[in-house]
Amino acid sequence: MKTSLWLALAIGLNTLQPAVGAPAQSKPSAFEALVPEDSKPAVIAEGLKWAEGPVWIPEQAALLFSDVPNNRIYRWSEGGAAALFLEPSGGTVTKGFREPGSNGLKRGPVGTIIMADQGNRAVALLDLRTHAKRLLVERYAGKRLNSPNDVAVGPDGSIWFTDPPYGLDGLDESPLKEQDANGVYRLAPNGRVTRVESRLAFPNGLAFTPDGRTLYVSTSDPKNPVIMAYRLGSDGRVMSRRLFADFSAAAKDGKPGLPDGMTVDERGNVWATAPGGVHVLSPTGHEIGLIAHDKAISNCAFGGPDGRTLFLTATDQVLALKTNVRGAPARLPRIPRRSSQP
């Protein structure tokens, strides 16, 4: 009988060990250079319904994360327990929604965060002190967005976001759905909203390379579980697109999870949640190693006092794992005064 990972972590009989899955041409020590062999994860929160969107807030020395179906954001800091920070985190009208809460979270200007607000079908700016919320974009081409899922900040301060239908009852069949595609969008500093991708069935996580010239987008489509890479021009236009990573084999093996959230480290490596755990990929897309897990991991982010802790939202729990690298420097968004439609 398979030992439960959660039980092993809770009682200390075993630990989650990074499982090296590097191809033959990779150096055996490449993964250990990123994640020490003796690194042991810690469970910092549990009892959640579906954890998502971890973001480290340096000025508070705290982690915020979403519990999407329960419409909550929690706050955790070292030495303490996770505590409720905001409820509701998303919409107050829940009829027609399967997941009304906030999802992906990113740092905003000091004292704020940007959130993918599924329940309000918007990208929002939240004041961390007063909890006042401003909806930055709710529509594209005059129609309501589906349910924004994740956000990222481009090199010019633009806000990029994905808009699958995961927040809606019935997903693509929801009567609330107005958009003709599940798109990837860019909210420019001048407030203009542009759809930059409309061909992915379920676009999900977003991340930029450290130089900001390439955008990664995961698609949590069971029929096409991949990560795409988009080369961008200086004005944010997509110059080219290519397949970055394909997780079809892992999905067919029945490993838990699909391509979802991801983060990029200071060396340009991509830490991507996908079937089986967190896959660490080189900037060229070669797999360096795997942080294995027996439950679906939805997202991950670097943080902690020294920036070398990887926080993982793993179904009903949140884990913290010490690493040897920091995340790529965070960019702060330039908040438009108001959004404008194309």
C-alpha atoms as a PDB file:
ATOM      1  CA  MET A   1       0.000   0.000   0.000  1.00  0.00           C
ATOM      2  CA  LYS A   2       1.385   3.393  -0.985  1.00  0.00           C
ATOM      3  CA  THR A   3       2.324   5.623   1.925  1.00  0.00           C
ATOM      4  CA  SER A   4       0.490   8.922   1.875  1.00  0.00           C
ATOM      5  CA  LEU A   5       2.873  11.796   1.233  1.00  0.00           C
ATOM      6  CA  TRP A   6       0.764  14.071   3.402  1.00  0.00           C
ATOM      7  CA  LEU A   7       0.931  11.656   6.325  1.00  0.00           C
ATOM      8  CA  ALA A   8       4.653  11.232   5.865  1.00  0.00           C
ATOM      9  CA  LEU A   9       5.176  14.976   5.958  1.00  0.00           C
ATOM     10  CA  ALA A  10       2.911  15.476   8.926  1.00  0.00           C
ATOM     11  CA  ILE A  11       4.491  12.854  11.180  1.00  0.00           C
ATOM     12  CA  GLY A  12       8.050  13.272   9.961  1.00  0.00           C
ATOM     13  CA  LEU A  13       8.655   9.654   8.867  1.00  0.00           C
ATOM     14  CA  ASN A  14       9.560  10.658   5.360  1.00  0.00           C
ATOM     15  CA  THR A  15      10.137  13.788   3.309  1.00  0.00           C
ATOM     16  CA  LEU A  16       9.373  14.899  -0.184  1.00  0.00           C
ATOM     17  CA  GLN A  17      12.641  14.500  -2.065  1.00  0.00           C
ATOM     18  CA  PRO A  18      13.328  16.164  -5.401  1.00  0.00           C
ATOM     19  CA  ALA A  19      13.384  13.391  -8.004  1.00  0.00           C
ATOM     20  CA  VAL A  20      16.081  13.905 -10.591  1.00  0.00           C
ATOM     21  CA  GLY A  21      14.701  13.413 -14.060  1.00  0.00           C
ATOM     22  CA  ALA A  22      17.413  15.010 -16.175  1.00  0.00           C
ATOM     23  CA  PRO A  23      18.108  13.714 -19.665  1.00  0.00           C
ATOM     24  CA  ALA A  24      21.339  11.847 -20.358  1.00  0.00           C
ATOM     25  CA  GLN A  25      23.135  14.872 -21.767  1.00  0.00           C
ATOM     26  CA  SER A  26      22.606  16.892 -18.563  1.00  0.00           C
ATOM     27  CA  LYS A  27      25.174  16.894 -15.792  1.00  0.00           C
ATOM     28  CA  PRO A  28      24.027  14.751 -12.826  1.00  0.00           C
ATOM     29  CA  SER A  29      24.731  17.637 -10.454  1.00  0.00           C
ATOM     30  CA  ALA A  30      22.680  20.215 -12.377  1.00  0.00           C
ATOM     31  CA  PHE A  31      19.514  19.710 -10.341  1.00  0.00           C
ATOM     32  CA  GLU A  32      21.322  19.475  -7.020  1.00  0.00           C
ATOM     33  CA  ALA A  33      22.858  22.851  -7.817  1.00  0.00           C
ATOM     34  CA  LEU A  34      19.321  24.234  -7.789  1.00  0.00           C
ATOM     35  CA  VAL A  35      17.708  22.117  -5.048  1.00  0.00           C
ATOM     36  CA  PRO A  36      20.041  20.701  -2.385  1.00  0.00           C
ATOM     37  CA  GLU A  37      19.695  16.957  -1.939  1.00  0.00           C
ATOM     38  CA  ASP A  38      18.935  17.383   1.769  1.00  0.00           C
ATOM     39  CA  SER A  39      16.334  20.110   1.241  1.00  0.00           C
ATOM     40  CA  LYS A  40      13.171  19.193   3.132  1.00  0.00           C
ATOM     41  CA  PRO A  41       9.800  20.810   2.415  1.00  0.00           C
ATOM     42  CA  ALA A  42       7.581  22.079   5.164  1.00  0.00           C
ATOM     43  CA  VAL A  43       3.789  22.181   5.182  1.00  0.00           C
ATOM     44  CA  ILE A  44       2.877  25.759   6.066  1.00  0.00           C
ATOM     45  CA  ALA A  45      -0.879  25.563   5.440  1.00  0.00           C
ATOM     46  CA  GLU A  46      -3.448  22.828   4.973  1.00  0.00           C
ATOM     47  CA  GLY A  47      -7.181  22.196   4.997  1.00  0.00           C
ATOM     48  CA  LEU A  48      -7.740  24.256   1.855  1.00  0.00           C
ATOM     49  CA  LYS A  49     -10.053  23.333  -0.991  1.00  0.00           C
ATOM     50  CA  TRP A  50      -7.811  24.410  -3.906  1.00  0.00           C
ATOM     51  CA  ALA A  51      -4.747  26.519  -3.122  1.00  0.00           C
ATOM     52  CA  GLU A  52      -3.411  28.885  -5.789  1.00  0.00           C
ATOM     53  CA  GLY A  53      -1.550  32.077  -6.597  1.00  0.00           C
ATOM     54  CA  PRO A  54       1.309  32.286  -4.049  1.00  0.00           C
ATOM     55  CA  VAL A  55       3.042  35.670  -3.931  1.00  0.00           C
ATOM     56  CA  TRP A  56       5.730  36.873  -1.522  1.00  0.00           C
ATOM     57  CA  ILE A  57       5.295  40.432  -0.212  1.00  0.00           C
ATOM     58  CA  PRO A  58       8.780  41.677   0.850  1.00  0.00           C
ATOM     59  CA  GLU A  59       7.577  44.728   2.795  1.00  0.00           C
ATOM     60  CA  GLN A  60       5.424  42.452   4.951  1.00  0.00           C
ATOM     61  CA  ALA A  61       7.806  39.468   4.966  1.00  0.00           C
ATOM     62  CA  ALA A  62       4.715  37.392   4.259  1.00  0.00           C
ATOM     63  CA  LEU A  63       3.193  35.059   1.712  1.00  0.00           C
ATOM     64  CA  LEU A  64      -0.308  35.548   0.336  1.00  0.00           C
ATOM     65  CA  PHE A  65      -2.181  32.801  -1.474  1.00  0.00           C
ATOM     66  CA  SER A  66      -5.683  32.088  -2.729  1.00  0.00           C
ATOM     67  CA  ASP A  67      -8.165  29.374  -1.840  1.00  0.00           C
ATOM     68  CA  VAL A  68     -10.157  29.803  -5.031  1.00  0.00           C
ATOM     69  CA  PRO A  69     -13.385  27.812  -4.477  1.00  0.00           C
ATOM     70  CA  ASN A  70     -13.682  29.109  -0.902  1.00  0.00           C
ATOM     71  CA  ASN A  71     -13.291  32.726  -2.094  1.00  0.00           C
ATOM     72  CA  ARG A  72     -10.479  33.549   0.328  1.00  0.00           C
ATOM     73  CA  ILE A  73      -6.919  34.858   0.509  1.00  0.00           C
ATOM     74  CA  TYR A  74      -4.663  33.711   3.354  1.00  0.00           C
ATOM     75  CA  ARG A  75      -1.531  35.282   4.784  1.00  0.00           C
ATOM     76  CA  TRP A  76       1.457  33.387   6.197  1.00  0.00           C
ATOM     77  CA  SER A  77       4.734  34.567   7.735  1.00  0.00           C
ATOM     78  CA  GLU A  78       7.608  32.583   9.208  1.00  0.00           C
ATOM     79  CA  GLY A  79       7.038  31.418  12.740  1.00  0.00           C
ATOM     80  CA  GLY A  80       3.277  31.703  12.493  1.00  0.00           C
ATOM     81  CA  ALA A  81       0.270  29.909  11.099  1.00  0.00           C
ATOM     82  CA  ALA A  82      -1.602  30.855   7.958  1.00  0.00           C
ATOM     83  CA  ALA A  83      -4.462  33.220   8.774  1.00  0.00           C
ATOM     84  CA  LEU A  84      -7.445  34.456   6.829  1.00  0.00           C
ATOM     85  CA  PHE A  85      -6.555  37.742   5.117  1.00  0.00           C
ATOM     86  CA  LEU A  86      -9.515  38.526   2.857  1.00  0.00           C
ATOM     87  CA  GLU A  87     -13.011  37.102   2.381  1.00  0.00           C
ATOM     88  CA  PRO A  88     -14.496  37.315  -0.150  1.00  0.00           C
ATOM     89  CA  SER A  89     -11.380  37.564  -2.257  1.00  0.00           C
ATOM     90  CA  GLY A  90     -13.353  37.610  -5.497  1.00  0.00           C
ATOM     91  CA  GLY A  91     -16.976  38.106  -6.450  1.00  0.00           C
ATOM     92  CA  THR A  92     -19.875  38.434  -4.054  1.00  0.00           C
ATOM     93  CA  VAL A  93     -22.364  36.976  -6.547  1.00  0.00           C
ATOM     94  CA  THR A  94     -21.703  33.251  -6.675  1.00  0.00           C
ATOM     95  CA  LYS A  95     -24.633  31.988  -8.786  1.00  0.00           C
ATOM     96  CA  GLY A  96     -23.228  30.576 -12.018  1.00  0.00           C
ATOM     97  CA  PHE A  97     -19.695  30.315 -10.622  1.00  0.00           C
ATOM     98  CA  ARG A  98     -17.837  27.137  -9.668  1.00  0.00           C
ATOM     99  CA  GLU A  99     -14.811  29.075  -8.343  1.00  0.00           C
ATOM    100  CA  PRO A 100     -15.694  32.674  -7.411  1.00  0.00           C
ATOM    101  CA  GLY A 101     -12.487  33.624  -5.592  1.00  0.00           C
ATOM    102  CA  SER A 102      -9.210  35.213  -6.557  1.00  0.00           C
ATOM    103  CA  ASN A 103      -6.708  33.030  -8.382  1.00  0.00           C
ATOM    104  CA  GLY A 104      -3.264  34.228  -9.492  1.00  0.00           C
ATOM    105  CA  LEU A 105      -1.669  37.017  -7.448  1.00  0.00           C
ATOM    106  CA  LYS A 106       1.322  39.249  -8.266  1.00  0.00           C
ATOM    107  CA  ARG A 107       3.036  42.168  -6.568  1.00  0.00           C
ATOM    108  CA  GLY A 108       1.741  45.607  -7.437  1.00  0.00           C
ATOM    109  CA  PRO A 109       3.106  49.014  -6.433  1.00  0.00           C
ATOM    110  CA  VAL A 110       4.157  48.998  -2.767  1.00  0.00           C
ATOM    111  CA  GLY A 111       1.206  48.115  -0.556  1.00  0.00           C
ATOM    112  CA  THR A 112      -0.840  46.498  -3.330  1.00  0.00           C
ATOM    113  CA  ILE A 113      -1.209  43.298  -5.318  1.00  0.00           C
ATOM    114  CA  ILE A 114      -2.605  42.543  -8.760  1.00  0.00           C
ATOM    115  CA  MET A 115      -5.108  39.704  -8.773  1.00  0.00           C
ATOM    116  CA  ALA A 116      -6.913  37.534 -11.268  1.00  0.00           C
ATOM    117  CA  ASP A 117     -10.400  37.979  -9.834  1.00  0.00           C
ATOM    118  CA  GLN A 118     -12.445  35.071 -11.194  1.00  0.00           C
ATOM    119  CA  GLY A 119     -15.687  35.982  -9.447  1.00  0.00           C
ATOM    120  CA  ASN A 120     -15.672  39.567 -10.707  1.00  0.00           C
ATOM    121  CA  ARG A 121     -14.447  38.380 -14.121  1.00  0.00           C
ATOM    122  CA  ALA A 122     -11.729  40.989 -13.935  1.00  0.00           C
ATOM    123  CA  VAL A 123      -8.109  41.831 -13.240  1.00  0.00           C
ATOM    124  CA  ALA A 124      -8.035  43.903 -10.078  1.00  0.00           C
ATOM    125  CA  LEU A 125      -5.724  46.022  -7.921  1.00  0.00           C
ATOM    126  CA  LEU A 126      -6.047  45.349  -4.179  1.00  0.00           C
ATOM    127  CA  ASP A 127      -4.854  47.698  -1.435  1.00  0.00           C
ATOM    128  CA  LEU A 128      -3.308  45.417   1.195  1.00  0.00           C
ATOM    129  CA  ARG A 129      -4.013  47.829   4.049  1.00  0.00           C
ATOM    130  CA  THR A 130      -7.595  48.899   3.396  1.00  0.00           C
ATOM    131  CA  HIS A 131      -8.628  45.949   1.192  1.00  0.00           C
ATOM    132  CA  ALA A 132     -10.103  48.450  -1.261  1.00  0.00           C
ATOM    133  CA  LYS A 133     -10.307  46.899  -4.716  1.00  0.00           C
ATOM    134  CA  ARG A 134     -10.198  48.563  -8.106  1.00  0.00           C
ATOM    135  CA  LEU A 135     -11.173  46.574 -11.198  1.00  0.00           C
ATOM    136  CA  LEU A 136      -8.631  47.371 -13.907  1.00  0.00           C
ATOM    137  CA  VAL A 137     -10.153  45.465 -16.808  1.00  0.00           C
ATOM    138  CA  GLU A 138     -13.498  43.661 -17.047  1.00  0.00           C
ATOM    139  CA  ARG A 139     -14.215  43.567 -20.763  1.00  0.00           C
ATOM    140  CA  TYR A 140     -12.688  42.996 -24.150  1.00  0.00           C
ATOM    141  CA  ALA A 141     -14.400  44.189 -27.342  1.00  0.00           C
ATOM    142  CA  GLY A 142     -17.379  45.249 -25.234  1.00  0.00           C
ATOM    143  CA  LYS A 143     -17.959  41.764 -23.784  1.00  0.00           C
ATOM    144  CA  ARG A 144     -17.372  40.454 -20.292  1.00  0.00           C
ATOM    145  CA  LEU A 145     -14.204  38.459 -19.708  1.00  0.00           C
ATOM    146  CA  ASN A 146     -14.581  34.777 -18.814  1.00  0.00           C
ATOM    147  CA  SER A 147     -12.758  34.449 -15.475  1.00  0.00           C
ATOM    148  CA  PRO A 148      -9.145  35.703 -15.419  1.00  0.00           C
ATOM    149  CA  ASN A 149      -6.846  33.026 -14.046  1.00  0.00           C
ATOM    150  CA  ASP A 150      -3.251  34.262 -13.807  1.00  0.00           C
ATOM    151  CA  VAL A 151      -1.314  37.499 -14.191  1.00  0.00           C
ATOM    152  CA  ALA A 152       2.252  38.521 -15.043  1.00  0.00           C
ATOM    153  CA  VAL A 153       4.060  41.823 -15.502  1.00  0.00           C
ATOM    154  CA  GLY A 154       5.922  42.656 -18.696  1.00  0.00           C
ATOM    155  CA  PRO A 155       9.185  44.607 -19.002  1.00  0.00           C
ATOM    156  CA  ASP A 156       7.310  47.855 -19.683  1.00  0.00           C
ATOM    157  CA  GLY A 157       5.002  47.439 -16.710  1.00  0.00           C
ATOM    158  CA  SER A 158       2.126  46.066 -18.790  1.00  0.00           C
ATOM    159  CA  ILE A 159      -0.153  43.494 -17.132  1.00  0.00           C
ATOM    160  CA  TRP A 160      -0.619  40.210 -18.977  1.00  0.00           C
ATOM    161  CA  PHE A 161      -3.355  37.757 -18.045  1.00  0.00           C
ATOM    162  CA  THR A 162      -5.036  34.540 -19.117  1.00  0.00           C
ATOM    163  CA  ASP A 163      -8.810  34.191 -19.345  1.00  0.00           C
ATOM    164  CA  PRO A 164     -10.038  30.574 -19.359  1.00  0.00           C
ATOM    165  CA  PRO A 165     -13.569  29.732 -18.178  1.00  0.00           C
ATOM    166  CA  TYR A 166     -12.520  27.867 -15.010  1.00  0.00           C
ATOM    167  CA  GLY A 167     -14.475  30.151 -12.713  1.00  0.00           C
ATOM    168  CA  LEU A 168     -17.769  29.476 -14.472  1.00  0.00           C
ATOM    169  CA  ASP A 169     -20.191  26.597 -13.963  1.00  0.00           C
ATOM    170  CA  GLY A 170     -20.104  24.551 -17.132  1.00  0.00           C
ATOM    171  CA  LEU A 171     -16.824  26.108 -18.305  1.00  0.00           C
ATOM    172  CA  ASP A 172     -17.150  26.734 -22.066  1.00  0.00           C
ATOM    173  CA  GLU A 173     -20.834  25.763 -21.907  1.00  0.00           C
ATOM    174  CA  SER A 174     -21.656  28.401 -19.295  1.00  0.00           C
ATOM    175  CA  PRO A 175     -24.503  30.724 -20.314  1.00  0.00           C
ATOM    176  CA  LEU A 176     -22.477  33.536 -18.714  1.00  0.00           C
ATOM    177  CA  LYS A 177     -19.621  33.136 -21.176  1.00  0.00           C
ATOM    178  CA  GLU A 178     -19.451  36.026 -23.666  1.00  0.00           C
ATOM    179  CA  GLN A 179     -15.967  35.797 -25.190  1.00  0.00           C
ATOM    180  CA  ASP A 180     -15.502  33.737 -28.369  1.00  0.00           C
ATOM    181  CA  ALA A 181     -12.097  32.515 -27.188  1.00  0.00           C
ATOM    182  CA  ASN A 182     -10.180  31.689 -24.039  1.00  0.00           C
ATOM    183  CA  GLY A 183      -7.517  34.270 -24.583  1.00  0.00           C
ATOM    184  CA  VAL A 184      -4.235  35.704 -23.417  1.00  0.00           C
ATOM    185  CA  TYR A 185      -4.372  39.480 -22.992  1.00  0.00           C
ATOM    186  CA  ARG A 186      -2.140  42.487 -22.435  1.00  0.00           C
ATOM    187  CA  LEU A 187      -3.244  45.530 -20.452  1.00  0.00           C
ATOM    188  CA  ALA A 188      -0.886  48.306 -21.523  1.00  0.00           C
ATOM    189  CA  PRO A 189       0.180  51.152 -19.214  1.00  0.00           C
ATOM    190  CA  ASN A 190      -2.002  53.470 -21.311  1.00  0.00           C
ATOM    191  CA  GLY A 191      -5.049  51.304 -20.509  1.00  0.00           C
ATOM    192  CA  ARG A 192      -5.448  49.635 -23.894  1.00  0.00           C
ATOM    193  CA  VAL A 193      -6.442  45.950 -23.790  1.00  0.00           C
ATOM    194  CA  THR A 194      -5.147  43.652 -26.530  1.00  0.00           C
ATOM    195  CA  ARG A 195      -5.845  39.969 -27.093  1.00  0.00           C
ATOM    196  CA  VAL A 196      -2.497  38.445 -28.030  1.00  0.00           C
ATOM    197  CA  GLU A 197      -3.493  34.761 -28.257  1.00  0.00           C
ATOM    198  CA  SER A 198      -6.820  33.083 -28.986  1.00  0.00           C
ATOM    199  CA  ARG A 199      -5.809  29.591 -30.153  1.00  0.00           C
ATOM    200  CA  LEU A 200      -5.233  27.845 -26.811  1.00  0.00           C
ATOM    201  CA  ALA A 201      -8.096  25.800 -25.389  1.00  0.00           C
ATOM    202  CA  PHE A 202      -7.337  26.513 -21.708  1.00  0.00           C
ATOM    203  CA  PRO A 203      -4.542  29.082 -21.247  1.00  0.00           C
ATOM    204  CA  ASN A 204      -3.464  29.138 -17.628  1.00  0.00           C
ATOM    205  CA  GLY A 205      -0.122  30.143 -16.076  1.00  0.00           C
ATOM    206  CA  LEU A 206       2.118  32.978 -17.266  1.00  0.00           C
ATOM    207  CA  ALA A 207       5.772  33.886 -16.747  1.00  0.00           C
ATOM    208  CA  PHE A 208       8.415  36.028 -18.428  1.00  0.00           C
ATOM    209  CA  THR A 209      12.086  35.355 -19.043  1.00  0.00           C
ATOM    210  CA  PRO A 210      14.381  37.577 -16.959  1.00  0.00           C
ATOM    211  CA  ASP A 211      14.989  39.865 -19.962  1.00  0.00           C
ATOM    212  CA  GLY A 212      11.251  40.139 -20.587  1.00  0.00           C
ATOM    213  CA  ARG A 213      11.569  39.251 -24.259  1.00  0.00           C
ATOM    214  CA  THR A 214       9.822  35.869 -24.051  1.00  0.00           C
ATOM    215  CA  LEU A 215       6.471  35.041 -22.481  1.00  0.00           C
ATOM    216  CA  TYR A 216       5.650  31.493 -21.397  1.00  0.00           C
ATOM    217  CA  VAL A 217       2.009  30.391 -21.351  1.00  0.00           C
ATOM    218  CA  SER A 218       0.844  27.015 -20.058  1.00  0.00           C
ATOM    219  CA  THR A 219      -2.290  25.324 -21.296  1.00  0.00           C
ATOM    220  CA  SER A 220      -4.116  22.993 -18.933  1.00  0.00           C
ATOM    221  CA  ASP A 221      -5.802  21.159 -21.774  1.00  0.00           C
ATOM    222  CA  PRO A 222      -5.799  17.376 -21.099  1.00  0.00           C
ATOM    223  CA  LYS A 223      -5.661  16.847 -24.872  1.00  0.00           C
ATOM    224  CA  ASN A 224      -2.711  19.205 -25.331  1.00  0.00           C
ATOM    225  CA  PRO A 225      -0.828  19.705 -22.029  1.00  0.00           C
ATOM    226  CA  VAL A 226       1.940  22.026 -23.179  1.00  0.00           C
ATOM    227  CA  ILE A 227       3.799  25.251 -22.467  1.00  0.00           C
ATOM    228  CA  MET A 228       4.161  27.712 -25.328  1.00  0.00           C
ATOM    229  CA  ALA A 229       6.852  30.378 -25.696  1.00  0.00           C
ATOM    230  CA  TYR A 230       6.122  33.729 -27.372  1.00  0.00           C
ATOM    231  CA  ARG A 231       8.870  36.012 -28.612  1.00  0.00           C
ATOM    232  CA  LEU A 232       7.791  39.615 -28.094  1.00  0.00           C
ATOM    233  CA  GLY A 233       8.637  42.879 -29.776  1.00  0.00           C
ATOM    234  CA  SER A 234       9.461  46.034 -27.855  1.00  0.00           C
ATOM    235  CA  ASP A 235       5.832  47.147 -28.141  1.00  0.00           C
ATOM    236  CA  GLY A 236       4.496  43.871 -26.726  1.00  0.00           C
ATOM    237  CA  ARG A 237       3.478  42.404 -30.069  1.00  0.00           C
ATOM    238  CA  VAL A 238       3.979  38.676 -30.566  1.00  0.00           C
ATOM    239  CA  MET A 239       6.733  38.158 -33.123  1.00  0.00           C
ATOM    240  CA  SER A 240       6.755  34.340 -33.046  1.00  0.00           C
ATOM    241  CA  ARG A 241       5.423  31.380 -31.076  1.00  0.00           C
ATOM    242  CA  ARG A 242       6.879  27.933 -30.450  1.00  0.00           C
ATOM    243  CA  LEU A 243       6.365  24.834 -28.356  1.00  0.00           C
ATOM    244  CA  PHE A 244       8.504  25.062 -25.227  1.00  0.00           C
ATOM    245  CA  ALA A 245       7.538  21.894 -23.330  1.00  0.00           C
ATOM    246  CA  ASP A 246       5.153  18.998 -23.933  1.00  0.00           C
ATOM    247  CA  PHE A 247       3.840  16.967 -20.978  1.00  0.00           C
ATOM    248  CA  SER A 248       1.648  14.568 -22.957  1.00  0.00           C
ATOM    249  CA  ALA A 249       3.632  11.500 -21.877  1.00  0.00           C
ATOM    250  CA  ALA A 250       3.371  12.345 -18.168  1.00  0.00           C
ATOM    251  CA  ALA A 251      -0.342  13.051 -18.534  1.00  0.00           C
ATOM    252  CA  LYS A 252      -0.922   9.723 -20.314  1.00  0.00           C
ATOM    253  CA  ASP A 253       0.885   7.971 -17.459  1.00  0.00           C
ATOM    254  CA  GLY A 254      -1.826   9.268 -15.142  1.00  0.00           C
ATOM    255  CA  LYS A 255       0.431  11.544 -13.114  1.00  0.00           C
ATOM    256  CA  PRO A 256      -1.545  14.155 -11.163  1.00  0.00           C
ATOM    257  CA  GLY A 257      -1.902  17.680 -12.442  1.00  0.00           C
ATOM    258  CA  LEU A 258      -1.727  19.567 -15.719  1.00  0.00           C
ATOM    259  CA  PRO A 259       0.406  22.509 -16.893  1.00  0.00           C
ATOM    260  CA  ASP A 260      -0.673  25.311 -14.605  1.00  0.00           C
ATOM    261  CA  GLY A 261       1.258  28.045 -12.784  1.00  0.00           C
ATOM    262  CA  MET A 262       4.998  28.594 -13.114  1.00  0.00           C
ATOM    263  CA  THR A 263       7.854  30.848 -12.111  1.00  0.00           C
ATOM    264  CA  VAL A 264      11.297  31.688 -13.500  1.00  0.00           C
ATOM    265  CA  ASP A 265      14.519  31.822 -11.485  1.00  0.00           C
ATOM    266  CA  GLU A 266      17.384  34.294 -11.740  1.00  0.00           C
ATOM    267  CA  ARG A 267      19.211  31.965 -14.146  1.00  0.00           C
ATOM    268  CA  GLY A 268      16.285  31.783 -16.533  1.00  0.00           C
ATOM    269  CA  ASN A 269      15.184  28.266 -15.586  1.00  0.00           C
ATOM    270  CA  VAL A 270      11.428  27.657 -15.657  1.00  0.00           C
ATOM    271  CA  TRP A 271       9.826  25.973 -12.631  1.00  0.00           C
ATOM    272  CA  ALA A 272       6.586  24.690 -14.119  1.00  0.00           C
ATOM    273  CA  THR A 273       3.750  22.825 -12.444  1.00  0.00           C
ATOM    274  CA  ALA A 274       2.652  19.956 -14.658  1.00  0.00           C
ATOM    275  CA  PRO A 275       1.743  16.253 -14.373  1.00  0.00           C
ATOM    276  CA  GLY A 276       3.818  14.709 -11.589  1.00  0.00           C
ATOM    277  CA  GLY A 277       4.927  17.845  -9.747  1.00  0.00           C
ATOM    278  CA  VAL A 278       7.150  20.831 -10.519  1.00  0.00           C
ATOM    279  CA  HIS A 279       9.310  20.309 -13.598  1.00  0.00           C
ATOM    280  CA  VAL A 280      12.464  22.407 -13.667  1.00  0.00           C
ATOM    281  CA  LEU A 281      13.298  23.294 -17.272  1.00  0.00           C
ATOM    282  CA  SER A 282      16.343  25.007 -18.715  1.00  0.00           C
ATOM    283  CA  PRO A 283      15.875  28.163 -20.845  1.00  0.00           C
ATOM    284  CA  THR A 284      16.039  25.869 -23.899  1.00  0.00           C
ATOM    285  CA  GLY A 285      13.251  23.643 -22.583  1.00  0.00           C
ATOM    286  CA  HIS A 286      15.337  20.638 -21.495  1.00  0.00           C
ATOM    287  CA  GLU A 287      14.208  19.046 -18.240  1.00  0.00           C
ATOM    288  CA  ILE A 288      16.788  19.465 -15.475  1.00  0.00           C
ATOM    289  CA  GLY A 289      14.801  17.682 -12.794  1.00  0.00           C
ATOM    290  CA  LEU A 290      11.476  17.097 -11.105  1.00  0.00           C
ATOM    291  CA  ILE A 291      10.127  17.946  -7.679  1.00  0.00           C
ATOM    292  CA  ALA A 292       7.817  14.953  -7.517  1.00  0.00           C
ATOM    293  CA  HIS A 293       4.441  14.978  -5.835  1.00  0.00           C
ATOM    294  CA  ASP A 294       1.495  12.604  -5.518  1.00  0.00           C
ATOM    295  CA  LYS A 295      -1.133  15.358  -5.734  1.00  0.00           C
ATOM    296  CA  ALA A 296      -1.646  18.096  -8.289  1.00  0.00           C
ATOM    297  CA  ILE A 297       0.467  21.211  -7.777  1.00  0.00           C
ATOM    298  CA  SER A 298      -1.269  24.307  -9.103  1.00  0.00           C
ATOM    299  CA  ASN A 299       1.392  26.995  -8.796  1.00  0.00           C
ATOM    300  CA  CYS A 300       4.753  28.008  -7.347  1.00  0.00           C
ATOM    301  CA  ALA A 301       6.667  31.179  -6.534  1.00  0.00           C
ATOM    302  CA  PHE A 302       9.989  32.199  -5.015  1.00  0.00           C
ATOM    303  CA  GLY A 303      10.188  34.272  -1.868  1.00  0.00           C
ATOM    304  CA  GLY A 304      11.268  34.231   1.744  1.00  0.00           C
ATOM    305  CA  PRO A 305      13.705  36.579   3.505  1.00  0.00           C
ATOM    306  CA  ASP A 306      16.606  35.561   1.252  1.00  0.00           C
ATOM    307  CA  GLY A 307      14.481  34.878  -1.830  1.00  0.00           C
ATOM    308  CA  ARG A 308      15.563  31.244  -1.978  1.00  0.00           C
ATOM    309  CA  THR A 309      12.366  29.555  -0.804  1.00  0.00           C
ATOM    310  CA  LEU A 310      10.057  27.960  -3.346  1.00  0.00           C
ATOM    311  CA  PHE A 311       6.431  28.076  -2.220  1.00  0.00           C
ATOM    312  CA  LEU A 312       4.149  25.457  -3.771  1.00  0.00           C
ATOM    313  CA  THR A 313       0.364  25.431  -3.708  1.00  0.00           C
ATOM    314  CA  ALA A 314      -0.461  21.724  -3.755  1.00  0.00           C
ATOM    315  CA  THR A 315      -4.186  20.975  -3.950  1.00  0.00           C
ATOM    316  CA  ASP A 316      -5.241  21.371  -0.276  1.00  0.00           C
ATOM    317  CA  GLN A 317      -1.868  22.426   1.160  1.00  0.00           C
ATOM    318  CA  VAL A 318       0.936  24.940   0.759  1.00  0.00           C
ATOM    319  CA  LEU A 319       4.572  23.814   0.996  1.00  0.00           C
ATOM    320  CA  ALA A 320       7.871  25.654   1.367  1.00  0.00           C
ATOM    321  CA  LEU A 321      11.104  24.224  -0.055  1.00  0.00           C
ATOM    322  CA  LYS A 322      14.583  25.735   0.341  1.00  0.00           C
ATOM    323  CA  THR A 323      16.561  26.126  -2.878  1.00  0.00           C
ATOM    324  CA  ASN A 324      19.925  27.514  -4.004  1.00  0.00           C
ATOM    325  CA  VAL A 325      18.458  30.115  -6.352  1.00  0.00           C
ATOM    326  CA  ARG A 326      16.272  33.172  -6.212  1.00  0.00           C
ATOM    327  CA  GLY A 327      13.415  34.035  -8.478  1.00  0.00           C
ATOM    328  CA  ALA A 328      13.975  36.433 -11.348  1.00  0.00           C
ATOM    329  CA  PRO A 329      13.667  40.031 -10.106  1.00  0.00           C
ATOM    330  CA  ALA A 330      10.020  41.019  -9.822  1.00  0.00           C
ATOM    331  CA  ARG A 331       8.698  43.779 -12.046  1.00  0.00           C
ATOM    332  CA  LEU A 332       6.113  46.186 -10.718  1.00  0.00           C
ATOM    333  CA  PRO A 333       3.171  47.038 -12.979  1.00  0.00           C
ATOM    334  CA  ARG A 334       2.370  50.482 -14.250  1.00  0.00           C
ATOM    335  CA  ILE A 335      -1.265  50.910 -13.287  1.00  0.00           C
ATOM    336  CA  PRO A 336      -3.363  52.605 -15.988  1.00  0.00           C
ATOM    337  CA  ARG A 337      -5.695  55.366 -14.907  1.00  0.00           C
ATOM    338  CA  ARG A 338      -8.464  53.603 -16.778  1.00  0.00           C
ATOM    339  CA  SER A 339      -8.739  50.849 -19.353  1.00  0.00           C
ATOM    340  CA  SER A 340      -9.801  51.443 -22.921  1.00  0.00           C
ATOM    341  CA  GLN A 341     -11.305  49.038 -25.424  1.00  0.00           C
ATOM    342  CA  PRO A 342      -9.925  48.260 -28.895  1.00  0.00           C
END
